[in-house]
C-alpha atoms as a PDB file:
ATOM      1  CA  MET A   1      -8.563   2.311   9.725  1.00  0.00           C
ATOM      2  CA  TYR A   2      -5.624   2.494   7.337  1.00  0.00           C
ATOM      3  CA  LEU A   3      -7.684   3.072   4.187  1.00  0.00           C
ATOM      4  CA  GLU A   4      -9.350   6.108   5.743  1.00  0.00           C
ATOM      5  CA  THR A   5      -5.930   7.740   6.151  1.00  0.00           C
ATOM      6  CA  VAL A   6      -5.260   7.397   2.404  1.00  0.00           C
ATOM      7  CA  ALA A   7      -8.828   7.806   1.127  1.00  0.00           C
ATOM      8  CA  ASP A   8      -7.851  10.711  -1.119  1.00  0.00           C
ATOM      9  CA  HIS A   9      -5.758   8.250  -3.188  1.00  0.00           C
ATOM     10  CA  ILE A  10      -8.532   5.637  -3.605  1.00  0.00           C
ATOM     11  CA  ALA A  11     -11.057   5.942  -6.436  1.00  0.00           C
ATOM     12  CA  PHE A  12     -12.837   2.739  -5.413  1.00  0.00           C
ATOM     13  CA  ALA A  13     -12.051  -0.555  -3.704  1.00  0.00           C
ATOM     14  CA  GLY A  14     -13.739  -3.824  -2.884  1.00  0.00           C
ATOM     15  CA  PRO A  15     -13.739  -7.593  -3.184  1.00  0.00           C
ATOM     16  CA  LEU A  16     -13.636  -9.482  -6.470  1.00  0.00           C
ATOM     17  CA  LEU A  17     -16.357 -12.137  -6.448  1.00  0.00           C
ATOM     18  CA  ASP A  18     -16.913 -15.363  -8.340  1.00  0.00           C
ATOM     19  CA  GLU A  19     -20.298 -16.314  -9.810  1.00  0.00           C
ATOM     20  CA  LYS A  20     -21.443 -17.638  -6.399  1.00  0.00           C
ATOM     21  CA  GLY A  21     -20.538 -14.422  -4.598  1.00  0.00           C
ATOM     22  CA  THR A  22     -17.449 -15.892  -2.937  1.00  0.00           C
ATOM     23  CA  MET A  23     -14.538 -13.498  -2.531  1.00  0.00           C
ATOM     24  CA  ILE A  24     -11.653 -14.434  -4.810  1.00  0.00           C
ATOM     25  CA  GLY A  25      -9.525 -11.299  -4.525  1.00  0.00           C
ATOM     26  CA  SER A  26      -9.515  -7.551  -4.063  1.00  0.00           C
ATOM     27  CA  LEU A  27      -9.487  -4.589  -6.394  1.00  0.00           C
ATOM     28  CA  LEU A  28      -8.142  -1.188  -5.415  1.00  0.00           C
ATOM     29  CA  ALA A  29      -8.285   1.619  -7.962  1.00  0.00           C
ATOM     30  CA  ILE A  30      -5.681   4.022  -6.604  1.00  0.00           C
ATOM     31  CA  ASP A  31      -4.327   7.338  -7.819  1.00  0.00           C
ATOM     32  CA  PHE A  32      -0.642   8.099  -7.319  1.00  0.00           C
ATOM     33  CA  PRO A  33       1.753  10.236  -9.355  1.00  0.00           C
ATOM     34  CA  SER A  34       3.876   7.245 -10.399  1.00  0.00           C
ATOM     35  CA  GLU A  35       4.130   3.474 -10.293  1.00  0.00           C
ATOM     36  CA  VAL A  36       6.984   3.838  -7.796  1.00  0.00           C
ATOM     37  CA  ALA A  37       4.698   5.793  -5.446  1.00  0.00           C
ATOM     38  CA  ALA A  38       1.900   3.230  -5.864  1.00  0.00           C
ATOM     39  CA  ARG A  39       4.271   0.337  -5.095  1.00  0.00           C
ATOM     40  CA  ALA A  40       5.616   2.159  -2.039  1.00  0.00           C
ATOM     41  CA  TRP A  41       2.054   2.673  -0.800  1.00  0.00           C
ATOM     42  CA  ILE A  42       0.938  -0.916  -1.383  1.00  0.00           C
ATOM     43  CA  SER A  43       4.058  -2.220   0.373  1.00  0.00           C
ATOM     44  CA  GLN A  44       2.860  -0.475   3.558  1.00  0.00           C
ATOM     45  CA  GLU A  45      -0.804  -1.513   3.204  1.00  0.00           C
ATOM     46  CA  PRO A  46      -1.817  -3.702   6.188  1.00  0.00           C
ATOM     47  CA  PHE A  47      -3.043  -6.703   4.149  1.00  0.00           C
ATOM     48  CA  THR A  48       0.250  -6.647   2.231  1.00  0.00           C
ATOM     49  CA  GLN A  49       2.196  -6.411   5.493  1.00  0.00           C
ATOM     50  CA  ALA A  50       0.230  -9.374   6.908  1.00  0.00           C
ATOM     51  CA  GLY A  51       0.940 -11.509   3.823  1.00  0.00           C
ATOM     52  CA  LEU A  52      -2.747 -11.840   2.918  1.00  0.00           C
ATOM     53  CA  TYR A  53      -2.267 -11.175  -0.798  1.00  0.00           C
ATOM     54  CA  ALA A  54      -0.909 -14.095  -2.818  1.00  0.00           C
ATOM     55  CA  SER A  55       0.204 -11.546  -5.401  1.00  0.00           C
ATOM     56  CA  VAL A  56      -0.151  -7.880  -6.275  1.00  0.00           C
ATOM     57  CA  GLN A  57      -0.458  -6.528  -9.797  1.00  0.00           C
ATOM     58  CA  ILE A  58      -0.262  -2.837 -10.643  1.00  0.00           C
ATOM     59  CA  HIS A  59      -1.525  -1.603 -13.995  1.00  0.00           C
ATOM     60  CA  ALA A  60      -1.869   1.899 -15.378  1.00  0.00           C
ATOM     61  CA  PHE A  61      -5.418   3.041 -16.122  1.00  0.00           C
ATOM     62  CA  GLU A  62      -6.781   6.060 -17.942  1.00  0.00           C
ATOM     63  CA  ASN A  63     -10.344   6.903 -16.964  1.00  0.00           C
ATOM     64  CA  ARG A  64     -12.302   7.894 -20.038  1.00  0.00           C
ATOM     65  CA  TRP A  65     -15.691   7.537 -18.375  1.00  0.00           C
ATOM     66  CA  PRO A  66     -15.963   9.918 -15.402  1.00  0.00           C
ATOM     67  CA  GLN A  67     -19.642   9.168 -14.678  1.00  0.00           C
ATOM     68  CA  LYS A  68     -20.105   7.817 -11.155  1.00  0.00           C
ATOM     69  CA  THR A  69     -23.735   6.672 -11.461  1.00  0.00           C
ATOM     70  CA  GLY A  70     -24.220   3.028 -10.619  1.00  0.00           C
ATOM     71  CA  PHE A  71     -21.770   2.757  -7.740  1.00  0.00           C
ATOM     72  CA  PRO A  72     -23.514   2.056  -4.434  1.00  0.00           C
ATOM     73  CA  SER A  73     -22.926   4.399  -1.516  1.00  0.00           C
ATOM     74  CA  ALA A  74     -20.061   3.431   0.773  1.00  0.00           C
END
């Protein structure tokens, strides 16, 4: 699986759901040294390559809450 080969760059990932539990998108919290590196990575991601994403947005994020409690086990 592709994501397993880059797992050290992924903080968390999963589907975005509407109020009925229907998948409406995906969220990947990734860690790369620059936006250029993140865009290069996402351009090679299999769902991107297959044209499954209608759009991709990349935003910077600064984690100010390092607690991991509350996330279910993978």
